[in-house]
N, C-alpha and C. Protein backbone atom coordinates (compact mmCIF):
# COMPACT_ATOMS: atom_id res chain seq x y z
N MET A 1 17.08 -16.09 -22.43
CA MET A 1 15.70 -15.48 -22.22
C MET A 1 15.84 -14.10 -21.66
N PRO A 2 14.84 -13.13 -21.93
CA PRO A 2 14.99 -11.84 -21.44
C PRO A 2 14.65 -11.83 -19.94
N LYS A 3 14.92 -10.67 -19.19
CA LYS A 3 14.59 -10.59 -17.77
C LYS A 3 13.16 -10.49 -17.62
N ILE A 4 12.72 -11.00 -16.42
CA ILE A 4 11.28 -11.05 -16.34
C ILE A 4 11.00 -9.51 -15.77
N LYS A 5 9.84 -8.84 -16.18
CA LYS A 5 9.48 -7.59 -15.72
C LYS A 5 8.93 -7.71 -14.28
N SER A 6 9.17 -6.71 -13.60
CA SER A 6 8.32 -6.62 -12.25
C SER A 6 6.77 -6.48 -12.60
N HIS A 7 5.94 -6.84 -11.57
CA HIS A 7 4.50 -6.58 -11.62
C HIS A 7 4.27 -4.93 -11.40
N SER A 8 3.93 -4.27 -12.36
CA SER A 8 4.01 -2.74 -12.29
C SER A 8 2.86 -2.34 -11.18
N GLY A 9 1.80 -3.04 -10.89
CA GLY A 9 0.87 -2.60 -9.93
C GLY A 9 1.42 -2.90 -8.53
N ALA A 10 2.28 -3.93 -8.49
CA ALA A 10 2.79 -4.36 -7.08
C ALA A 10 3.86 -3.47 -6.91
N ALA A 11 4.59 -2.96 -7.79
CA ALA A 11 5.84 -2.19 -7.77
C ALA A 11 5.44 -0.87 -7.19
N LYS A 12 4.25 -0.39 -7.41
CA LYS A 12 3.72 0.94 -7.00
C LYS A 12 3.19 0.83 -5.62
N ARG A 13 2.70 -0.37 -5.12
CA ARG A 13 2.19 -0.51 -3.89
C ARG A 13 3.08 -0.85 -2.75
N PHE A 14 4.11 -1.67 -2.90
CA PHE A 14 4.93 -2.19 -2.08
C PHE A 14 6.45 -1.52 -2.04
N LYS A 15 6.95 -1.25 -0.89
CA LYS A 15 8.34 -0.70 -0.82
C LYS A 15 9.22 -1.88 -0.13
N ARG A 16 10.37 -2.08 -0.64
CA ARG A 16 11.45 -3.09 0.08
C ARG A 16 12.23 -2.30 0.97
N THR A 17 12.30 -3.14 2.25
CA THR A 17 13.29 -2.57 3.36
C THR A 17 14.57 -3.02 3.02
N ALA A 18 15.45 -2.35 3.94
CA ALA A 18 16.81 -2.91 3.85
C ALA A 18 17.14 -4.29 4.18
N SER A 19 16.27 -4.95 5.07
CA SER A 19 16.45 -6.27 5.43
C SER A 19 15.83 -7.07 4.33
N GLY A 20 15.12 -6.65 3.38
CA GLY A 20 14.68 -7.49 2.45
C GLY A 20 13.09 -7.80 2.45
N SER A 21 12.58 -7.32 3.61
CA SER A 21 10.99 -7.52 3.66
C SER A 21 10.31 -6.41 2.93
N PHE A 22 9.05 -6.42 2.92
CA PHE A 22 8.25 -5.44 2.12
C PHE A 22 7.26 -4.63 3.09
N LYS A 23 7.27 -3.37 2.75
CA LYS A 23 6.10 -2.60 3.56
C LYS A 23 5.02 -2.11 2.56
N ARG A 24 3.83 -2.09 3.06
CA ARG A 24 2.76 -1.60 2.21
C ARG A 24 1.88 -0.64 3.14
N GLY A 25 1.06 0.11 2.36
CA GLY A 25 0.18 1.13 3.00
C GLY A 25 -1.20 0.41 3.27
N GLN A 26 -1.93 0.76 4.36
CA GLN A 26 -3.21 0.15 4.57
C GLN A 26 -4.25 0.88 3.50
N SER A 27 -5.14 -0.12 3.08
CA SER A 27 -6.07 0.13 2.11
C SER A 27 -7.16 0.95 2.80
N HIS A 28 -8.05 1.54 1.93
CA HIS A 28 -9.28 2.33 2.36
C HIS A 28 -8.96 3.69 3.06
N ARG A 29 -7.58 4.14 3.16
CA ARG A 29 -7.18 5.41 3.91
C ARG A 29 -6.74 6.37 3.10
N SER A 30 -7.16 6.62 1.88
CA SER A 30 -6.54 7.64 1.00
C SER A 30 -7.23 8.92 0.79
N HIS A 31 -8.65 8.68 0.66
CA HIS A 31 -9.31 10.04 0.34
C HIS A 31 -10.77 9.84 0.76
N ILE A 32 -11.63 11.00 0.80
CA ILE A 32 -12.97 10.98 1.24
C ILE A 32 -13.06 10.52 2.74
N LEU A 33 -12.21 11.18 3.74
CA LEU A 33 -12.06 10.77 4.90
C LEU A 33 -12.64 11.79 5.82
N THR A 34 -13.00 12.89 5.29
CA THR A 34 -13.41 14.08 6.10
C THR A 34 -14.87 13.82 6.91
N LYS A 35 -15.71 13.10 6.08
CA LYS A 35 -16.97 12.81 6.70
C LYS A 35 -17.02 11.62 7.47
N LYS A 36 -15.99 10.89 7.51
CA LYS A 36 -15.92 9.66 8.41
C LYS A 36 -15.48 9.94 9.69
N SER A 37 -16.05 9.39 10.80
CA SER A 37 -15.45 9.59 12.13
C SER A 37 -14.31 8.95 12.45
N THR A 38 -13.64 9.38 13.54
CA THR A 38 -12.28 8.95 13.93
C THR A 38 -12.41 7.49 14.14
N LYS A 39 -13.37 7.08 14.98
CA LYS A 39 -13.60 5.60 15.10
C LYS A 39 -13.91 4.85 13.93
N ARG A 40 -14.51 5.39 13.08
CA ARG A 40 -14.79 4.45 11.71
C ARG A 40 -13.43 4.37 10.88
N LYS A 41 -12.65 5.56 10.87
CA LYS A 41 -11.36 5.43 10.00
C LYS A 41 -10.48 4.50 10.83
N ARG A 42 -10.41 4.39 12.16
CA ARG A 42 -9.59 3.68 13.00
C ARG A 42 -9.95 2.13 12.74
N GLN A 43 -11.17 1.76 12.52
CA GLN A 43 -11.67 0.41 12.35
C GLN A 43 -11.44 -0.02 10.92
N LEU A 44 -11.07 0.82 10.07
CA LEU A 44 -10.85 0.37 8.63
C LEU A 44 -9.65 -0.62 8.49
């Protein structure tokens, strides 16, 4: 059987650390942030 492919969406979102666990970025924090207050961004 052929090798199973990685889930391409997950591959872009998660990074594997040296110890084998995974890191991910917080959602809702990428763009359109200038109009939002610091408090509002912090609570996302």
